[in-house]
């Protein structure tokens, strides 16, 4: 039986320890490393070249989406399985666009988690049942030949409007003037946008927005 070499990228020490305990109990799995930040995940993935990375989304320094994107740019043969608490549409589709091969929730039972890791290790795409339902619903919302699903569906119309202006390079005071809002209100909207997009700063938000055709 071929051994599946696994790198765990997870900033919560108790969950990380639990995953290591679970994986080391399975003969065909070998945990080759563990990291607590996205930046460490990028560096260790390049060094270790694991078969599978279990990737949390919310980590310090670099989030799991950006870490996945950077890892797969350098090592396209690595397979990333997102293991997270987030099940919103934006998180799911950002992960898929970044190149993740699977998406499972942290509250999955042990058998589902192990089956997901094995599937991704074989090169398959895998989703938790709740996530699979979201994926199907997302594409079903756009009829054949119709318009593609709207980018960032969890954003409100106002948040999407502000993100469009951010992507054009406008600072908050300029956005406030154009939309007849206070600078403080715009700042609150921007904070909400960053949270929903899981980006760390304005530069990353601009990249995400332009990738989606805004700006």
C-alpha atoms as a PDB file:
ATOM      1  CA  UNK A   1       0.000   0.000   0.000  1.00  0.00           C
ATOM      2  CA  UNK A   2       1.422   3.360  -1.070  1.00  0.00           C
ATOM      3  CA  UNK A   3       1.937   5.882   1.729  1.00  0.00           C
ATOM      4  CA  UNK A   4       0.150   9.231   1.458  1.00  0.00           C
ATOM      5  CA  UNK A   5       2.390  12.026   2.750  1.00  0.00           C
ATOM      6  CA  UNK A   6       0.380  14.754   4.461  1.00  0.00           C
ATOM      7  CA  UNK A   7       1.185  18.294   5.612  1.00  0.00           C
ATOM      8  CA  UNK A   8      -1.218  19.886   8.123  1.00  0.00           C
ATOM      9  CA  UNK A   9      -1.701  23.672   7.935  1.00  0.00           C
ATOM     10  CA  UNK A  10      -3.846  24.664  10.924  1.00  0.00           C
ATOM     11  CA  UNK A  11      -3.396  27.447  13.462  1.00  0.00           C
ATOM     12  CA  UNK A  12      -5.551  25.922  16.210  1.00  0.00           C
ATOM     13  CA  UNK A  13      -3.222  23.685  18.266  1.00  0.00           C
ATOM     14  CA  UNK A  14      -5.927  21.422  19.689  1.00  0.00           C
ATOM     15  CA  UNK A  15      -7.476  20.698  16.288  1.00  0.00           C
ATOM     16  CA  UNK A  16      -4.013  20.206  14.790  1.00  0.00           C
ATOM     17  CA  UNK A  17      -3.098  17.755  17.540  1.00  0.00           C
ATOM     18  CA  UNK A  18      -6.363  15.886  17.030  1.00  0.00           C
ATOM     19  CA  UNK A  19      -5.766  15.586  13.289  1.00  0.00           C
ATOM     20  CA  UNK A  20      -2.235  14.303  13.847  1.00  0.00           C
ATOM     21  CA  UNK A  21      -3.554  11.697  16.291  1.00  0.00           C
ATOM     22  CA  UNK A  22      -6.215  10.582  13.814  1.00  0.00           C
ATOM     23  CA  UNK A  23      -3.892  10.416  10.813  1.00  0.00           C
ATOM     24  CA  UNK A  24      -1.065   8.590  12.562  1.00  0.00           C
ATOM     25  CA  UNK A  25      -3.542   5.843  13.449  1.00  0.00           C
ATOM     26  CA  UNK A  26      -3.973   5.067   9.739  1.00  0.00           C
ATOM     27  CA  UNK A  27      -1.178   2.886   8.283  1.00  0.00           C
ATOM     28  CA  UNK A  28      -1.177   4.432   4.806  1.00  0.00           C
ATOM     29  CA  UNK A  29      -0.898   8.012   6.076  1.00  0.00           C
ATOM     30  CA  UNK A  30       2.332   9.754   7.058  1.00  0.00           C
ATOM     31  CA  UNK A  31       2.224  13.217   8.615  1.00  0.00           C
ATOM     32  CA  UNK A  32       5.372  14.840   7.230  1.00  0.00           C
ATOM     33  CA  UNK A  33       4.886  18.253   8.831  1.00  0.00           C
ATOM     34  CA  UNK A  34       2.611  20.678  10.648  1.00  0.00           C
ATOM     35  CA  UNK A  35       2.442  24.475  10.389  1.00  0.00           C
ATOM     36  CA  UNK A  36       0.376  27.191  12.032  1.00  0.00           C
ATOM     37  CA  UNK A  37       0.505  29.994   9.439  1.00  0.00           C
ATOM     38  CA  UNK A  38      -0.124  30.348   5.734  1.00  0.00           C
ATOM     39  CA  UNK A  39       3.402  31.610   5.131  1.00  0.00           C
ATOM     40  CA  UNK A  40       4.848  28.527   6.842  1.00  0.00           C
ATOM     41  CA  UNK A  41       2.574  26.346   4.707  1.00  0.00           C
ATOM     42  CA  UNK A  42       4.003  27.851   1.518  1.00  0.00           C
ATOM     43  CA  UNK A  43       7.602  27.350   2.662  1.00  0.00           C
ATOM     44  CA  UNK A  44       7.117  23.827   4.026  1.00  0.00           C
ATOM     45  CA  UNK A  45       5.144  22.687   1.002  1.00  0.00           C
ATOM     46  CA  UNK A  46       8.035  23.706  -1.244  1.00  0.00           C
ATOM     47  CA  UNK A  47      10.514  21.837   0.980  1.00  0.00           C
ATOM     48  CA  UNK A  48       8.491  18.694   1.680  1.00  0.00           C
ATOM     49  CA  UNK A  49       6.450  18.288  -1.521  1.00  0.00           C
ATOM     50  CA  UNK A  50       3.650  16.426   0.310  1.00  0.00           C
ATOM     51  CA  UNK A  51       0.975  14.485  -1.536  1.00  0.00           C
ATOM     52  CA  UNK A  52      -1.847  16.238   0.312  1.00  0.00           C
ATOM     53  CA  UNK A  53      -2.092  19.426   2.370  1.00  0.00           C
ATOM     54  CA  UNK A  54      -4.913  19.825   4.873  1.00  0.00           C
ATOM     55  CA  UNK A  55      -5.461  23.572   4.678  1.00  0.00           C
ATOM     56  CA  UNK A  56      -7.328  25.754   7.139  1.00  0.00           C
ATOM     57  CA  UNK A  57      -8.661  28.988   5.654  1.00  0.00           C
ATOM     58  CA  UNK A  58      -8.231  31.420   8.518  1.00  0.00           C
ATOM     59  CA  UNK A  59      -4.575  31.553   9.522  1.00  0.00           C
ATOM     60  CA  UNK A  60      -2.161  34.341  10.476  1.00  0.00           C
ATOM     61  CA  UNK A  61       0.132  36.135   8.016  1.00  0.00           C
ATOM     62  CA  UNK A  62      -1.281  34.544   4.853  1.00  0.00           C
ATOM     63  CA  UNK A  63      -4.767  33.061   4.711  1.00  0.00           C
ATOM     64  CA  UNK A  64      -5.448  29.576   3.376  1.00  0.00           C
ATOM     65  CA  UNK A  65      -6.775  30.813   0.032  1.00  0.00           C
ATOM     66  CA  UNK A  66      -3.641  32.766  -0.809  1.00  0.00           C
ATOM     67  CA  UNK A  67      -1.402  30.009   0.586  1.00  0.00           C
ATOM     68  CA  UNK A  68      -3.161  27.467  -1.659  1.00  0.00           C
ATOM     69  CA  UNK A  69      -2.738  29.703  -4.701  1.00  0.00           C
ATOM     70  CA  UNK A  70       0.973  30.239  -4.041  1.00  0.00           C
ATOM     71  CA  UNK A  71       1.677  26.583  -3.263  1.00  0.00           C
ATOM     72  CA  UNK A  72       0.031  25.335  -6.447  1.00  0.00           C
ATOM     73  CA  UNK A  73       1.826  27.898  -8.573  1.00  0.00           C
ATOM     74  CA  UNK A  74       5.116  26.369  -7.446  1.00  0.00           C
ATOM     75  CA  UNK A  75       4.025  22.753  -6.970  1.00  0.00           C
ATOM     76  CA  UNK A  76       0.985  21.932  -9.124  1.00  0.00           C
ATOM     77  CA  UNK A  77       1.185  18.226  -8.262  1.00  0.00           C
ATOM     78  CA  UNK A  78       0.389  18.918  -4.591  1.00  0.00           C
ATOM     79  CA  UNK A  79      -3.277  18.373  -3.726  1.00  0.00           C
ATOM     80  CA  UNK A  80      -4.975  20.701  -1.271  1.00  0.00           C
ATOM     81  CA  UNK A  81      -7.936  19.673   0.856  1.00  0.00           C
ATOM     82  CA  UNK A  82      -9.522  22.601   2.668  1.00  0.00           C
ATOM     83  CA  UNK A  83     -10.591  21.724   6.220  1.00  0.00           C
ATOM     84  CA  UNK A  84     -12.466  24.635   7.743  1.00  0.00           C
ATOM     85  CA  UNK A  85     -15.411  25.954   9.741  1.00  0.00           C
ATOM     86  CA  UNK A  86     -16.467  28.274   6.898  1.00  0.00           C
ATOM     87  CA  UNK A  87     -19.177  27.066   4.540  1.00  0.00           C
ATOM     88  CA  UNK A  88     -20.264  30.307   2.868  1.00  0.00           C
ATOM     89  CA  UNK A  89     -20.317  30.490  -0.922  1.00  0.00           C
ATOM     90  CA  UNK A  90     -17.431  32.938  -1.190  1.00  0.00           C
ATOM     91  CA  UNK A  91     -15.093  30.748   0.860  1.00  0.00           C
ATOM     92  CA  UNK A  92     -15.978  27.633  -1.122  1.00  0.00           C
ATOM     93  CA  UNK A  93     -15.536  29.167  -4.553  1.00  0.00           C
ATOM     94  CA  UNK A  94     -12.453  31.174  -3.634  1.00  0.00           C
ATOM     95  CA  UNK A  95     -10.848  27.908  -2.495  1.00  0.00           C
ATOM     96  CA  UNK A  96     -11.802  26.159  -5.727  1.00  0.00           C
ATOM     97  CA  UNK A  97     -10.520  29.026  -7.850  1.00  0.00           C
ATOM     98  CA  UNK A  98      -7.253  28.887  -5.912  1.00  0.00           C
ATOM     99  CA  UNK A  99      -6.930  25.223  -6.906  1.00  0.00           C
ATOM    100  CA  UNK A 100      -8.167  23.254  -3.892  1.00  0.00           C
ATOM    101  CA  UNK A 101      -9.252  19.717  -4.770  1.00  0.00           C
ATOM    102  CA  UNK A 102     -11.668  19.294  -1.896  1.00  0.00           C
ATOM    103  CA  UNK A 103     -13.543  21.147   0.829  1.00  0.00           C
ATOM    104  CA  UNK A 104     -14.689  19.560   4.073  1.00  0.00           C
ATOM    105  CA  UNK A 105     -15.935  20.995   7.340  1.00  0.00           C
ATOM    106  CA  UNK A 106     -14.150  20.564  10.646  1.00  0.00           C
ATOM    107  CA  UNK A 107     -17.227  19.007  12.217  1.00  0.00           C
ATOM    108  CA  UNK A 108     -17.102  16.085   9.751  1.00  0.00           C
ATOM    109  CA  UNK A 109     -16.881  12.691  11.442  1.00  0.00           C
ATOM    110  CA  UNK A 110     -13.646  10.708  11.348  1.00  0.00           C
ATOM    111  CA  UNK A 111     -14.715   8.356   8.570  1.00  0.00           C
ATOM    112  CA  UNK A 112     -15.780  11.224   6.316  1.00  0.00           C
ATOM    113  CA  UNK A 113     -12.533  13.060   6.986  1.00  0.00           C
ATOM    114  CA  UNK A 114     -10.377  10.018   6.220  1.00  0.00           C
ATOM    115  CA  UNK A 115     -12.406   9.194   3.104  1.00  0.00           C
ATOM    116  CA  UNK A 116     -11.984  12.786   1.887  1.00  0.00           C
ATOM    117  CA  UNK A 117      -8.208  12.666   2.368  1.00  0.00           C
ATOM    118  CA  UNK A 118      -7.978   9.358   0.509  1.00  0.00           C
ATOM    119  CA  UNK A 119     -10.120  10.705  -2.351  1.00  0.00           C
ATOM    120  CA  UNK A 120      -8.021  13.843  -2.771  1.00  0.00           C
ATOM    121  CA  UNK A 121      -4.895  11.687  -2.561  1.00  0.00           C
ATOM    122  CA  UNK A 122      -6.230   9.697  -5.535  1.00  0.00           C
ATOM    123  CA  UNK A 123      -6.718  12.899  -7.479  1.00  0.00           C
ATOM    124  CA  UNK A 124     -10.479  13.140  -7.022  1.00  0.00           C
ATOM    125  CA  UNK A 125     -12.503  16.203  -6.052  1.00  0.00           C
ATOM    126  CA  UNK A 126     -14.421  15.829  -2.801  1.00  0.00           C
ATOM    127  CA  UNK A 127     -16.884  17.929  -0.796  1.00  0.00           C
ATOM    128  CA  UNK A 128     -18.689  17.535   2.498  1.00  0.00           C
ATOM    129  CA  UNK A 129     -22.406  16.860   1.853  1.00  0.00           C
ATOM    130  CA  UNK A 130     -23.361  20.374   3.008  1.00  0.00           C
ATOM    131  CA  UNK A 131     -20.755  21.885   0.697  1.00  0.00           C
ATOM    132  CA  UNK A 132     -21.799  19.719  -2.255  1.00  0.00           C
ATOM    133  CA  UNK A 133     -25.359  20.969  -1.804  1.00  0.00           C
ATOM    134  CA  UNK A 134     -24.117  24.569  -1.917  1.00  0.00           C
ATOM    135  CA  UNK A 135     -22.074  23.920  -5.060  1.00  0.00           C
ATOM    136  CA  UNK A 136     -25.036  22.371  -6.854  1.00  0.00           C
ATOM    137  CA  UNK A 137     -27.374  25.160  -5.733  1.00  0.00           C
ATOM    138  CA  UNK A 138     -24.885  27.791  -6.850  1.00  0.00           C
ATOM    139  CA  UNK A 139     -24.730  26.487 -10.404  1.00  0.00           C
ATOM    140  CA  UNK A 140     -28.428  25.650 -10.529  1.00  0.00           C
ATOM    141  CA  UNK A 141     -29.135  29.334  -9.859  1.00  0.00           C
ATOM    142  CA  UNK A 142     -27.759  30.130 -13.305  1.00  0.00           C
ATOM    143  CA  UNK A 143     -29.862  28.458 -16.048  1.00  0.00           C
ATOM    144  CA  UNK A 144     -28.120  26.994 -19.129  1.00  0.00           C
ATOM    145  CA  UNK A 145     -27.197  29.816 -21.470  1.00  0.00           C
ATOM    146  CA  UNK A 146     -28.055  32.406 -18.833  1.00  0.00           C
ATOM    147  CA  UNK A 147     -25.830  34.897 -17.106  1.00  0.00           C
ATOM    148  CA  UNK A 148     -23.002  33.476 -14.972  1.00  0.00           C
ATOM    149  CA  UNK A 149     -23.444  33.557 -11.181  1.00  0.00           C
ATOM    150  CA  UNK A 150     -22.669  36.955  -9.702  1.00  0.00           C
ATOM    151  CA  UNK A 151     -19.200  37.398  -8.220  1.00  0.00           C
ATOM    152  CA  UNK A 152     -19.045  37.435  -4.414  1.00  0.00           C
ATOM    153  CA  UNK A 153     -22.701  36.496  -3.793  1.00  0.00           C
ATOM    154  CA  UNK A 154     -22.468  37.192  -0.053  1.00  0.00           C
ATOM    155  CA  UNK A 155     -21.753  40.883  -0.639  1.00  0.00           C
ATOM    156  CA  UNK A 156     -24.652  43.324  -0.567  1.00  0.00           C
ATOM    157  CA  UNK A 157     -25.232  45.571  -3.575  1.00  0.00           C
ATOM    158  CA  UNK A 158     -23.670  48.492  -1.690  1.00  0.00           C
ATOM    159  CA  UNK A 159     -20.630  46.405  -0.664  1.00  0.00           C
ATOM    160  CA  UNK A 160     -20.156  45.265  -4.257  1.00  0.00           C
ATOM    161  CA  UNK A 161     -20.394  48.889  -5.426  1.00  0.00           C
ATOM    162  CA  UNK A 162     -17.724  49.911  -2.911  1.00  0.00           C
ATOM    163  CA  UNK A 163     -15.515  46.965  -3.869  1.00  0.00           C
ATOM    164  CA  UNK A 164     -15.786  48.063  -7.508  1.00  0.00           C
ATOM    165  CA  UNK A 165     -14.528  51.518  -6.536  1.00  0.00           C
ATOM    166  CA  UNK A 166     -11.762  50.030  -4.392  1.00  0.00           C
ATOM    167  CA  UNK A 167     -10.663  47.985  -7.413  1.00  0.00           C
ATOM    168  CA  UNK A 168     -10.488  51.213  -9.417  1.00  0.00           C
ATOM    169  CA  UNK A 169      -8.023  52.558  -6.867  1.00  0.00           C
ATOM    170  CA  UNK A 170     -10.244  54.995  -4.991  1.00  0.00           C
ATOM    171  CA  UNK A 171      -9.363  55.633  -1.315  1.00  0.00           C
ATOM    172  CA  UNK A 172     -12.127  55.762   1.300  1.00  0.00           C
ATOM    173  CA  UNK A 173     -12.607  59.571   1.261  1.00  0.00           C
ATOM    174  CA  UNK A 174     -13.086  59.506  -2.528  1.00  0.00           C
ATOM    175  CA  UNK A 175     -15.601  56.651  -2.240  1.00  0.00           C
ATOM    176  CA  UNK A 176     -17.433  58.558   0.487  1.00  0.00           C
ATOM    177  CA  UNK A 177     -17.755  61.640  -1.754  1.00  0.00           C
ATOM    178  CA  UNK A 178     -18.990  59.647  -4.736  1.00  0.00           C
ATOM    179  CA  UNK A 179     -21.614  57.751  -2.752  1.00  0.00           C
ATOM    180  CA  UNK A 180     -22.594  60.623  -0.429  1.00  0.00           C
ATOM    181  CA  UNK A 181     -21.575  58.628   2.632  1.00  0.00           C
ATOM    182  CA  UNK A 182     -19.410  59.497   5.614  1.00  0.00           C
ATOM    183  CA  UNK A 183     -15.824  58.272   5.562  1.00  0.00           C
ATOM    184  CA  UNK A 184     -16.532  56.305   8.749  1.00  0.00           C
ATOM    185  CA  UNK A 185     -19.465  54.523   7.099  1.00  0.00           C
ATOM    186  CA  UNK A 186     -17.314  53.635   4.098  1.00  0.00           C
ATOM    187  CA  UNK A 187     -14.644  52.334   6.486  1.00  0.00           C
ATOM    188  CA  UNK A 188     -17.225  50.058   8.107  1.00  0.00           C
ATOM    189  CA  UNK A 189     -18.317  48.767   4.704  1.00  0.00           C
ATOM    190  CA  UNK A 190     -14.693  48.141   3.742  1.00  0.00           C
ATOM    191  CA  UNK A 191     -14.088  46.168   6.950  1.00  0.00           C
ATOM    192  CA  UNK A 192     -17.143  44.008   6.194  1.00  0.00           C
ATOM    193  CA  UNK A 193     -15.935  43.443   2.639  1.00  0.00           C
ATOM    194  CA  UNK A 194     -12.486  42.353   3.837  1.00  0.00           C
ATOM    195  CA  UNK A 195     -14.087  39.936   6.303  1.00  0.00           C
ATOM    196  CA  UNK A 196     -16.404  38.387   3.714  1.00  0.00           C
ATOM    197  CA  UNK A 197     -13.615  38.079   1.142  1.00  0.00           C
ATOM    198  CA  UNK A 198     -11.160  36.849   3.804  1.00  0.00           C
ATOM    199  CA  UNK A 199      -8.491  39.262   2.663  1.00  0.00           C
ATOM    200  CA  UNK A 200      -5.951  40.969   4.881  1.00  0.00           C
ATOM    201  CA  UNK A 201      -5.666  44.350   3.216  1.00  0.00           C
ATOM    202  CA  UNK A 202      -6.727  46.635   0.383  1.00  0.00           C
ATOM    203  CA  UNK A 203      -4.138  45.326  -2.065  1.00  0.00           C
ATOM    204  CA  UNK A 204      -5.404  41.763  -1.702  1.00  0.00           C
ATOM    205  CA  UNK A 205      -9.012  42.956  -2.060  1.00  0.00           C
ATOM    206  CA  UNK A 206      -8.103  44.749  -5.295  1.00  0.00           C
ATOM    207  CA  UNK A 207      -6.517  41.585  -6.699  1.00  0.00           C
ATOM    208  CA  UNK A 208      -9.572  39.491  -5.805  1.00  0.00           C
ATOM    209  CA  UNK A 209     -11.960  42.080  -7.235  1.00  0.00           C
ATOM    210  CA  UNK A 210     -10.088  42.436 -10.510  1.00  0.00           C
ATOM    211  CA  UNK A 211      -9.839  38.663 -10.888  1.00  0.00           C
ATOM    212  CA  UNK A 212     -13.657  38.632 -10.677  1.00  0.00           C
ATOM    213  CA  UNK A 213     -13.973  41.355 -13.311  1.00  0.00           C
ATOM    214  CA  UNK A 214     -14.681  44.326 -11.029  1.00  0.00           C
ATOM    215  CA  UNK A 215     -12.912  47.641 -11.324  1.00  0.00           C
END
